[in-house]
Amino acid sequence: MSCVNSSVCKLCRRENTKLFLKGDRCFTDKCAFERRPYPPGQHGQSRLKFSEYALQLREKQKAKRYYGLSEKQFRKYFHSADASKGITGTELLRFLELRLDNVVYTLGYANSRREARQLIGHNHFLVNGKRVNIASYIVKKGDVVEVAQASREVTKVQAGIQAVARRTIPSWLDADHAAFKGTVKDVPARDEISIPVEESMIVEYYSR
C-alpha cells in the first residue's frame, strides 16, 4: 500500500474534496476540509488556472488517494482495465471498488480503507469461508465476506459497525451486521460508484 507520512487531511484539501481517509472524524466538525476547504500551503487560497494536463493529473491523484494506492498499483489496475472489453474508465473503478479492503470498509467493518487493510492483514476476515489476508484481493459476484468468529469483538470492527450508519451501503452489496458478514450481490454499475471523479480524464492522462 501507499505510505503517507504527512497528515492525510492535507490530501483532502489538496484534491478539493473529502476522501474520507480518517473515517468517522470526516463526518464531524473536526474535519480539516470543512474548516479549511482550500489547498494547503501559502498559495492555497490563490486563484490558479490549471492546464488540461494538470486537471487530468488531479483526477488521477484524487482516485489514487481515495483508495489509498501507490502509483505502481494504480497504473497496474489501469492497464488491466484497458485490456478488458468494457469501457476503460468504468472498468478501472470497478476493479478498485471490488478490492477486499474497499468492500470491508463499505460494508461497515472498518472505519476507513486504511484500517480495513490493517484488519485484513491481521487475518480478521474470511471470503467464502477461507481466511484471506491480502487487501488487494478482488472479490467476485456471489462472494461472502465475513468477520472471523474470533475477531467479532475486536474494537475496530465494533466501532466500524457503529459508524456505518453515517454511510450508505451501495445496492451491489448486502450487509448483515448481526451475522458479521456481507454478500457481493453483483459487480457495481457506474452509477453505484460514489467516488467524485471524472474517470475519462484518468484515461486521457494515461493515454498521453
Protein backbone atom coordinates (compact mmCIF):
# COMPACT_ATOMS: atom_id res chain seq x y z
CA MET A 1 0.00 0.00 0.00
CA SER A 2 0.99 3.61 -0.36
CA CYS A 3 2.74 5.08 2.67
CA VAL A 4 1.68 8.62 3.59
CA ASN A 5 3.81 10.22 6.30
CA SER A 6 2.13 13.64 6.36
CA SER A 7 -1.35 14.46 7.64
CA VAL A 8 -3.90 12.70 5.45
CA CYS A 9 -6.25 15.64 5.91
CA LYS A 10 -3.94 17.65 3.66
CA LEU A 11 -4.68 15.19 0.87
CA CYS A 12 -8.40 16.01 1.04
CA ARG A 13 -7.61 19.72 0.95
CA ARG A 14 -5.17 19.26 -1.94
CA GLU A 15 -7.76 17.41 -4.02
CA ASN A 16 -10.54 19.83 -3.00
CA THR A 17 -12.87 17.04 -1.91
CA LYS A 18 -13.47 14.75 1.04
CA LEU A 19 -11.60 11.47 0.59
CA PHE A 20 -12.84 10.07 3.94
CA LEU A 21 -9.34 9.00 4.95
CA LYS A 22 -9.97 9.38 8.70
CA GLY A 23 -13.24 7.52 8.89
CA ASP A 24 -15.77 8.80 11.40
CA ARG A 25 -13.79 12.01 12.04
CA CYS A 26 -14.59 13.12 8.48
CA PHE A 27 -18.27 13.41 9.46
CA THR A 28 -17.61 15.73 12.43
CA ASP A 29 -16.78 19.41 12.89
CA LYS A 30 -13.14 18.38 13.42
CA CYS A 31 -12.77 17.59 9.72
CA ALA A 32 -9.90 19.73 8.40
CA PHE A 33 -11.51 20.05 4.96
CA GLU A 34 -14.65 21.55 6.49
CA ARG A 35 -12.60 24.09 8.44
CA ARG A 36 -10.18 24.95 5.64
CA PRO A 37 -11.66 23.97 2.25
CA TYR A 38 -8.68 25.10 0.18
CA PRO A 39 -5.31 23.55 -0.75
CA PRO A 40 -2.56 23.60 1.91
CA GLY A 41 0.44 25.89 1.65
CA GLN A 42 0.95 29.63 1.38
CA HIS A 43 -0.63 29.79 -2.09
CA GLY A 44 -3.58 27.58 -1.16
CA GLN A 45 -6.15 30.37 -1.35
CA SER A 46 -4.82 31.83 -4.59
CA ARG A 47 -6.86 31.55 -7.76
CA LEU A 48 -4.90 29.29 -10.07
CA LYS A 49 -5.66 28.41 -13.68
CA PHE A 50 -4.99 24.74 -14.36
CA SER A 51 -3.85 23.32 -17.69
CA GLU A 52 -5.60 20.31 -19.20
CA TYR A 53 -2.72 18.10 -18.06
CA ALA A 54 -2.99 19.45 -14.50
CA LEU A 55 -6.71 18.70 -14.39
CA GLN A 56 -6.11 15.14 -15.60
CA LEU A 57 -3.36 14.68 -13.02
CA ARG A 58 -5.60 15.91 -10.21
CA GLU A 59 -8.34 13.43 -11.15
CA LYS A 60 -5.82 10.59 -11.19
CA GLN A 61 -4.35 11.65 -7.84
CA LYS A 62 -7.82 12.01 -6.34
CA ALA A 63 -8.79 8.44 -7.27
CA LYS A 64 -5.43 7.02 -6.22
CA ARG A 65 -5.60 8.68 -2.81
CA TYR A 66 -9.28 7.85 -2.32
CA TYR A 67 -8.45 4.14 -2.46
CA GLY A 68 -5.03 4.51 -0.80
CA LEU A 69 -2.91 3.08 -3.60
CA SER A 70 0.63 3.67 -4.81
CA GLU A 71 1.27 4.87 -8.36
CA LYS A 72 2.54 1.40 -9.33
CA GLN A 73 -0.62 -0.28 -8.04
CA PHE A 74 -2.92 2.26 -9.66
CA ARG A 75 -1.18 2.01 -13.03
CA LYS A 76 -1.48 -1.79 -12.89
CA TYR A 77 -5.25 -1.51 -12.43
CA PHE A 78 -5.45 0.92 -15.32
CA HIS A 79 -3.64 -1.48 -17.67
CA SER A 80 -5.95 -4.32 -16.57
CA ALA A 81 -8.98 -2.11 -17.23
CA ASP A 82 -7.58 -1.03 -20.60
CA ALA A 83 -7.18 -4.68 -21.63
CA SER A 84 -10.78 -5.55 -20.66
CA LYS A 85 -13.74 -5.48 -23.04
CA GLY A 86 -15.71 -2.78 -21.23
CA ILE A 87 -15.27 0.99 -21.02
CA THR A 88 -11.78 1.55 -19.62
CA GLY A 89 -12.71 4.20 -17.05
CA THR A 90 -15.67 2.25 -15.70
CA GLU A 91 -13.69 -0.99 -15.56
CA LEU A 92 -10.93 0.80 -13.65
CA LEU A 93 -13.37 1.97 -10.98
CA ARG A 94 -14.90 -1.50 -10.78
CA PHE A 95 -11.51 -3.06 -10.09
CA LEU A 96 -10.92 -0.54 -7.31
CA GLU A 97 -14.38 -0.98 -5.80
CA LEU A 98 -14.02 -4.78 -5.75
CA ARG A 99 -10.79 -4.75 -3.77
CA LEU A 100 -11.31 -6.56 -0.47
CA ASP A 101 -10.19 -3.59 1.64
CA ASN A 102 -12.77 -1.35 -0.06
CA VAL A 103 -15.52 -3.96 0.35
CA VAL A 104 -14.72 -4.43 4.06
CA TYR A 105 -14.85 -0.66 4.59
CA THR A 106 -18.00 -0.19 2.53
CA LEU A 107 -19.80 -2.99 4.38
CA GLY A 108 -19.03 -1.17 7.63
CA TYR A 109 -16.47 -3.46 9.28
CA ALA A 110 -13.75 -0.79 9.39
CA ASN A 111 -13.71 2.96 9.91
CA SER A 112 -11.51 3.68 6.87
CA ARG A 113 -9.87 1.82 4.00
CA ARG A 114 -6.50 2.10 5.72
CA GLU A 115 -7.97 0.48 8.83
CA ALA A 116 -9.59 -2.21 6.65
CA ARG A 117 -6.18 -3.07 5.16
CA GLN A 118 -4.74 -3.43 8.65
CA LEU A 119 -7.57 -5.69 9.82
CA ILE A 120 -7.33 -7.85 6.69
CA GLY A 121 -3.57 -8.19 7.11
CA HIS A 122 -4.14 -9.42 10.68
CA ASN A 123 -6.35 -12.29 9.45
CA HIS A 124 -9.67 -10.96 10.73
CA PHE A 125 -11.68 -11.72 7.56
CA LEU A 126 -12.88 -14.71 5.58
CA VAL A 127 -14.03 -14.88 1.95
CA ASN A 128 -16.34 -17.81 1.23
CA GLY A 129 -15.22 -19.40 4.49
CA LYS A 130 -11.50 -19.15 3.76
CA ARG A 131 -9.16 -16.75 5.52
CA VAL A 132 -7.81 -14.01 3.21
CA ASN A 133 -5.14 -11.57 4.37
CA ILE A 134 -4.48 -9.80 1.06
CA ALA A 135 -6.11 -6.37 0.90
CA SER A 136 -5.91 -6.22 -2.90
CA TYR A 137 -7.86 -9.47 -3.31
CA ILE A 138 -10.60 -8.91 -5.92
CA VAL A 139 -13.98 -10.23 -4.82
CA LYS A 140 -16.49 -11.60 -7.32
CA LYS A 141 -20.25 -11.73 -7.66
CA GLY A 142 -21.66 -14.12 -5.08
CA ASP A 143 -18.67 -13.95 -2.71
CA VAL A 144 -19.43 -13.79 1.02
CA VAL A 145 -17.11 -11.62 3.12
CA GLU A 146 -17.25 -12.47 6.81
CA VAL A 147 -15.58 -11.37 10.04
CA ALA A 148 -13.77 -14.36 11.56
CA GLN A 149 -15.54 -15.79 14.61
CA ALA A 150 -12.67 -14.95 16.95
CA SER A 151 -12.48 -11.36 15.65
CA ARG A 152 -16.07 -10.23 16.15
CA GLU A 153 -15.34 -8.48 19.45
CA VAL A 154 -12.35 -6.57 18.05
CA THR A 155 -12.77 -2.91 19.00
CA LYS A 156 -12.16 -1.56 15.49
CA VAL A 157 -14.70 -3.93 13.95
CA GLN A 158 -17.32 -2.95 16.51
CA ALA A 159 -16.56 0.76 16.01
CA GLY A 160 -16.90 0.36 12.25
CA ILE A 161 -20.35 -1.22 12.59
CA GLN A 162 -21.50 1.59 14.90
CA ALA A 163 -20.23 4.26 12.49
CA VAL A 164 -21.63 2.74 9.29
CA ALA A 165 -24.97 4.49 9.87
CA ARG A 166 -23.27 7.66 8.62
CA ARG A 167 -22.57 6.00 5.25
CA THR A 168 -24.75 4.47 2.55
CA ILE A 169 -24.11 0.85 1.64
CA PRO A 170 -24.47 0.54 -2.16
CA SER A 171 -27.08 -1.76 -3.69
CA TRP A 172 -24.46 -4.15 -5.11
CA LEU A 173 -23.55 -5.17 -1.56
CA ASP A 174 -25.75 -6.76 1.09
CA ALA A 175 -24.62 -6.30 4.70
CA ASP A 176 -25.81 -8.49 7.58
CA HIS A 177 -24.20 -6.91 10.62
CA ALA A 178 -25.98 -9.27 13.02
CA ALA A 179 -24.16 -12.18 11.36
CA PHE A 180 -20.95 -10.16 10.76
CA LYS A 181 -21.00 -10.86 7.04
CA GLY A 182 -21.76 -9.29 3.69
CA THR A 183 -22.51 -10.59 0.21
CA VAL A 184 -21.36 -9.25 -3.15
CA LYS A 185 -24.69 -9.28 -4.99
CA ASP A 186 -23.27 -8.04 -8.30
CA VAL A 187 -20.41 -6.08 -9.82
CA PRO A 188 -21.07 -2.35 -9.39
CA ALA A 189 -22.53 -0.26 -12.20
CA ARG A 190 -21.02 3.19 -12.73
CA ASP A 191 -23.95 4.97 -11.07
CA GLU A 192 -23.43 2.81 -7.97
CA ILE A 193 -19.85 4.02 -7.53
CA SER A 194 -19.88 7.19 -5.46
CA ILE A 195 -16.30 8.41 -5.88
CA PRO A 196 -16.42 12.04 -7.14
CA VAL A 197 -14.02 11.61 -10.05
CA GLU A 198 -14.08 12.03 -13.82
CA GLU A 199 -12.63 8.69 -14.88
CA SER A 200 -12.43 9.77 -18.53
CA MET A 201 -9.76 12.29 -17.54
CA ILE A 202 -7.74 9.50 -15.89
CA VAL A 203 -7.90 7.55 -19.16
CA GLU A 204 -6.74 10.64 -21.03
CA TYR A 205 -3.87 11.10 -18.56
CA TYR A 206 -2.52 7.58 -19.12
CA SER A 207 -3.17 7.75 -22.87
CA ARG A 208 -0.85 10.70 -23.45
